[in-house]
C-alpha atoms as a PDB file:
ATOM      1  CA  MET A   1     -20.302  -9.033  23.959  1.00  0.00           C
ATOM      2  CA  SER A   2     -17.838  -9.944  21.242  1.00  0.00           C
ATOM      3  CA  ASP A   3     -16.301 -13.366  20.940  1.00  0.00           C
ATOM      4  CA  HIS A   4     -13.173 -11.950  19.273  1.00  0.00           C
ATOM      5  CA  PRO A   5      -9.765 -12.815  20.761  1.00  0.00           C
ATOM      6  CA  ALA A   6      -7.749 -10.158  22.583  1.00  0.00           C
ATOM      7  CA  PRO A   7      -5.985  -7.717  20.223  1.00  0.00           C
ATOM      8  CA  LEU A   8      -2.486  -8.714  19.125  1.00  0.00           C
ATOM      9  CA  PHE A   9      -1.399  -5.120  18.510  1.00  0.00           C
ATOM     10  CA  ASP A  10      -1.809  -1.931  20.525  1.00  0.00           C
ATOM     11  CA  ARG A  11      -0.932   0.738  17.980  1.00  0.00           C
ATOM     12  CA  LEU A  12      -0.001   1.438  14.404  1.00  0.00           C
ATOM     13  CA  ASP A  13       3.803   1.758  14.275  1.00  0.00           C
ATOM     14  CA  THR A  14       4.519   3.111  10.790  1.00  0.00           C
ATOM     15  CA  VAL A  15       3.168   3.592   7.294  1.00  0.00           C
ATOM     16  CA  VAL A  16       5.527   2.700   4.440  1.00  0.00           C
ATOM     17  CA  LEU A  17       5.826   4.774   1.282  1.00  0.00           C
ATOM     18  CA  ARG A  18       7.924   3.309  -1.535  1.00  0.00           C
ATOM     19  CA  VAL A  19      10.153   5.932  -3.160  1.00  0.00           C
ATOM     20  CA  ALA A  20      12.478   6.030  -6.152  1.00  0.00           C
ATOM     21  CA  ASP A  21      15.414   7.611  -4.273  1.00  0.00           C
ATOM     22  CA  CYS A  22      15.446   7.423  -0.467  1.00  0.00           C
ATOM     23  CA  GLU A  23      18.116  10.088   0.002  1.00  0.00           C
ATOM     24  CA  ALA A  24      16.233  12.551  -2.229  1.00  0.00           C
ATOM     25  CA  ALA A  25      12.934  11.694  -0.498  1.00  0.00           C
ATOM     26  CA  VAL A  26      14.457  12.307   2.966  1.00  0.00           C
ATOM     27  CA  ALA A  27      15.728  15.684   1.754  1.00  0.00           C
ATOM     28  CA  TRP A  28      12.284  16.581   0.360  1.00  0.00           C
ATOM     29  CA  TYR A  29      10.392  15.525   3.506  1.00  0.00           C
ATOM     30  CA  GLY A  30      12.892  17.537   5.563  1.00  0.00           C
ATOM     31  CA  ALA A  31      12.631  20.678   3.428  1.00  0.00           C
ATOM     32  CA  ALA A  32       8.901  20.507   2.701  1.00  0.00           C
ATOM     33  CA  LEU A  33       7.532  19.075   5.961  1.00  0.00           C
ATOM     34  CA  GLY A  34      10.317  19.619   8.481  1.00  0.00           C
ATOM     35  CA  LEU A  35      10.638  15.884   9.191  1.00  0.00           C
ATOM     36  CA  SER A  36      13.982  14.357  10.197  1.00  0.00           C
ATOM     37  CA  PRO A  37      14.942  10.684  10.125  1.00  0.00           C
ATOM     38  CA  ALA A  38      14.809   8.872  13.453  1.00  0.00           C
ATOM     39  CA  PHE A  39      16.473   5.823  11.857  1.00  0.00           C
ATOM     40  CA  VAL A  40      18.253   5.186   8.546  1.00  0.00           C
ATOM     41  CA  ASP A  41      19.225   1.820   7.053  1.00  0.00           C
ATOM     42  CA  VAL A  42      21.419   2.647   4.056  1.00  0.00           C
ATOM     43  CA  ALA A  43      21.812  -1.012   3.035  1.00  0.00           C
ATOM     44  CA  GLU A  44      18.028  -1.526   2.881  1.00  0.00           C
ATOM     45  CA  GLY A  45      17.405   1.914   1.423  1.00  0.00           C
ATOM     46  CA  LEU A  46      14.969   3.120   4.045  1.00  0.00           C
ATOM     47  CA  ALA A  47      14.549   5.977   6.475  1.00  0.00           C
ATOM     48  CA  VAL A  48      12.032   6.233   9.297  1.00  0.00           C
ATOM     49  CA  LEU A  49      10.737   9.749   9.866  1.00  0.00           C
ATOM     50  CA  GLY A  50       9.600  10.448  13.394  1.00  0.00           C
ATOM     51  CA  LEU A  51       6.062  11.647  13.992  1.00  0.00           C
ATOM     52  CA  GLN A  52       4.150  11.601  17.240  1.00  0.00           C
ATOM     53  CA  GLY A  53       2.049   8.446  17.463  1.00  0.00           C
ATOM     54  CA  CYS A  54       3.038   6.879  14.136  1.00  0.00           C
ATOM     55  CA  MET A  55       6.161   6.871  11.984  1.00  0.00           C
ATOM     56  CA  LEU A  56       6.495   7.396   8.241  1.00  0.00           C
ATOM     57  CA  THR A  57       8.986   5.038   6.585  1.00  0.00           C
ATOM     58  CA  LEU A  58      10.450   5.937   3.204  1.00  0.00           C
ATOM     59  CA  TRP A  59      11.637   2.736   1.493  1.00  0.00           C
ATOM     60  CA  GLN A  60      13.526   2.878  -1.765  1.00  0.00           C
ATOM     61  CA  ARG A  61      12.259   0.657  -4.563  1.00  0.00           C
ATOM     62  CA  LYS A  62      14.723  -1.848  -6.010  1.00  0.00           C
ATOM     63  CA  PRO A  63      16.102  -0.970  -9.483  1.00  0.00           C
ATOM     64  CA  ASP A  64      13.814  -3.508 -11.206  1.00  0.00           C
ATOM     65  CA  GLU A  65      10.751  -2.688  -9.074  1.00  0.00           C
ATOM     66  CA  ALA A  66       8.020  -0.633 -10.753  1.00  0.00           C
ATOM     67  CA  PRO A  67       6.013   1.910  -8.793  1.00  0.00           C
ATOM     68  CA  ALA A  68       2.683   0.569  -7.541  1.00  0.00           C
ATOM     69  CA  ALA A  69      -0.337   1.699  -9.498  1.00  0.00           C
ATOM     70  CA  GLY A  70      -4.097   1.412  -9.202  1.00  0.00           C
ATOM     71  CA  GLU A  71      -5.332  -0.899  -6.487  1.00  0.00           C
ATOM     72  CA  ALA A  72      -1.817  -2.146  -5.663  1.00  0.00           C
ATOM     73  CA  ALA A  73      -1.281   0.438  -2.941  1.00  0.00           C
ATOM     74  CA  ALA A  74       2.308   1.423  -2.305  1.00  0.00           C
ATOM     75  CA  ALA A  75       1.619   2.339   1.320  1.00  0.00           C
ATOM     76  CA  PHE A  76       0.812  -0.260   3.962  1.00  0.00           C
ATOM     77  CA  PRO A  77       0.428  -0.183   7.748  1.00  0.00           C
ATOM     78  CA  ILE A  78       2.939  -1.729  10.114  1.00  0.00           C
ATOM     79  CA  PHE A  79       1.698  -2.763  13.550  1.00  0.00           C
ATOM     80  CA  ALA A  80       4.023  -2.659  16.557  1.00  0.00           C
ATOM     81  CA  THR A  81       4.464  -5.864  18.548  1.00  0.00           C
ATOM     82  CA  GLY A  82       6.695  -6.906  21.433  1.00  0.00           C
ATOM     83  CA  ASP A  83       7.112 -10.418  20.003  1.00  0.00           C
ATOM     84  CA  ALA A  84       6.902 -10.795  16.219  1.00  0.00           C
ATOM     85  CA  ALA A  85       7.322 -14.570  16.304  1.00  0.00           C
ATOM     86  CA  ALA A  86       4.424 -15.014  18.754  1.00  0.00           C
ATOM     87  CA  ALA A  87       2.211 -12.617  16.782  1.00  0.00           C
ATOM     88  CA  ARG A  88       2.976 -14.510  13.565  1.00  0.00           C
ATOM     89  CA  THR A  89       2.124 -17.833  15.219  1.00  0.00           C
ATOM     90  CA  ALA A  90      -1.143 -16.425  16.599  1.00  0.00           C
ATOM     91  CA  LEU A  91      -2.185 -14.990  13.227  1.00  0.00           C
ATOM     92  CA  GLU A  92      -1.342 -18.228  11.441  1.00  0.00           C
ATOM     93  CA  ALA A  93      -3.450 -20.145  13.996  1.00  0.00           C
ATOM     94  CA  ARG A  94      -6.343 -17.780  13.197  1.00  0.00           C
ATOM     95  CA  GLY A  95      -6.129 -18.670   9.515  1.00  0.00           C
ATOM     96  CA  VAL A  96      -4.409 -15.474   8.401  1.00  0.00           C
ATOM     97  CA  ARG A  97      -2.014 -15.714   5.446  1.00  0.00           C
ATOM     98  CA  VAL A  98       1.450 -14.803   6.770  1.00  0.00           C
ATOM     99  CA  ASP A  99       4.872 -14.610   5.147  1.00  0.00           C
ATOM    100  CA  ALA A 100       8.209 -15.554   6.671  1.00  0.00           C
ATOM    101  CA  LEU A 101       9.641 -13.866   9.732  1.00  0.00           C
ATOM    102  CA  VAL A 102      12.568 -11.632   8.733  1.00  0.00           C
ATOM    103  CA  GLU A 103      15.252 -10.232  11.000  1.00  0.00           C
ATOM    104  CA  GLY A 104      16.949  -7.028   9.922  1.00  0.00           C
ATOM    105  CA  ASP A 105      19.034  -4.340  11.539  1.00  0.00           C
ATOM    106  CA  ARG A 106      17.382  -3.876  14.968  1.00  0.00           C
ATOM    107  CA  VAL A 107      13.992  -5.195  13.798  1.00  0.00           C
ATOM    108  CA  ARG A 108      12.134  -8.485  13.360  1.00  0.00           C
ATOM    109  CA  PHE A 109       9.080  -8.362  11.116  1.00  0.00           C
ATOM    110  CA  PHE A 110       6.718 -10.300   8.873  1.00  0.00           C
ATOM    111  CA  PRO A 111       4.135  -9.400   6.252  1.00  0.00           C
ATOM    112  CA  PHE A 112       0.585 -10.697   6.488  1.00  0.00           C
ATOM    113  CA  PHE A 113      -2.493 -10.161   4.361  1.00  0.00           C
ATOM    114  CA  ASP A 114      -6.112  -9.269   4.933  1.00  0.00           C
ATOM    115  CA  LEU A 115      -9.167 -10.856   3.330  1.00  0.00           C
ATOM    116  CA  ASP A 116      -8.707  -8.754   0.178  1.00  0.00           C
ATOM    117  CA  GLY A 117      -4.990  -9.485  -0.141  1.00  0.00           C
ATOM    118  CA  ASN A 118      -3.928  -6.093   1.237  1.00  0.00           C
ATOM    119  CA  ARG A 119      -0.442  -6.176   2.709  1.00  0.00           C
ATOM    120  CA  LEU A 120      -0.061  -5.503   6.418  1.00  0.00           C
ATOM    121  CA  GLU A 121       3.070  -5.958   8.482  1.00  0.00           C
ATOM    122  CA  ALA A 122       4.002  -6.569  12.114  1.00  0.00           C
ATOM    123  CA  CYS A 123       7.313  -5.287  13.451  1.00  0.00           C
ATOM    124  CA  GLN A 124       9.262  -5.819  16.650  1.00  0.00           C
ATOM    125  CA  VAL A 125      12.066  -3.382  17.510  1.00  0.00           C
ATOM    126  CA  LEU A 126      15.024  -5.288  18.927  1.00  0.00           C
ATOM    127  CA  SER A 127      17.262  -4.018  21.710  1.00  0.00           C
ATOM    128  CA  GLY A 128      20.813  -3.034  21.000  1.00  0.00           C
END
């Protein structure tokens, strides 16, 4: 028997890929892979492409942001949660390095980091 606490997350929600031009990337993923956006946030420069079981989020890099190279992976997993604030508090209590809780357009999320410094994120979809 394991003495681990109950899981905080039940599924992987999305994987983020940083892109140079979100609009061009959405067009490419549509033409090449047949994927359509389920959600677009023009102000943030991101589009979520719907796939069964897990989403693919295309997120435009800022003008001064260089593409990730080497071990600094551009893609990172986002875990779905029903309560981002509670998940953040639980992770912090377990000694996990967490960043601030951010509320955006219909989402509340926070980055956190594994033992090797790999970025992970938890995201709560808000109603309305």
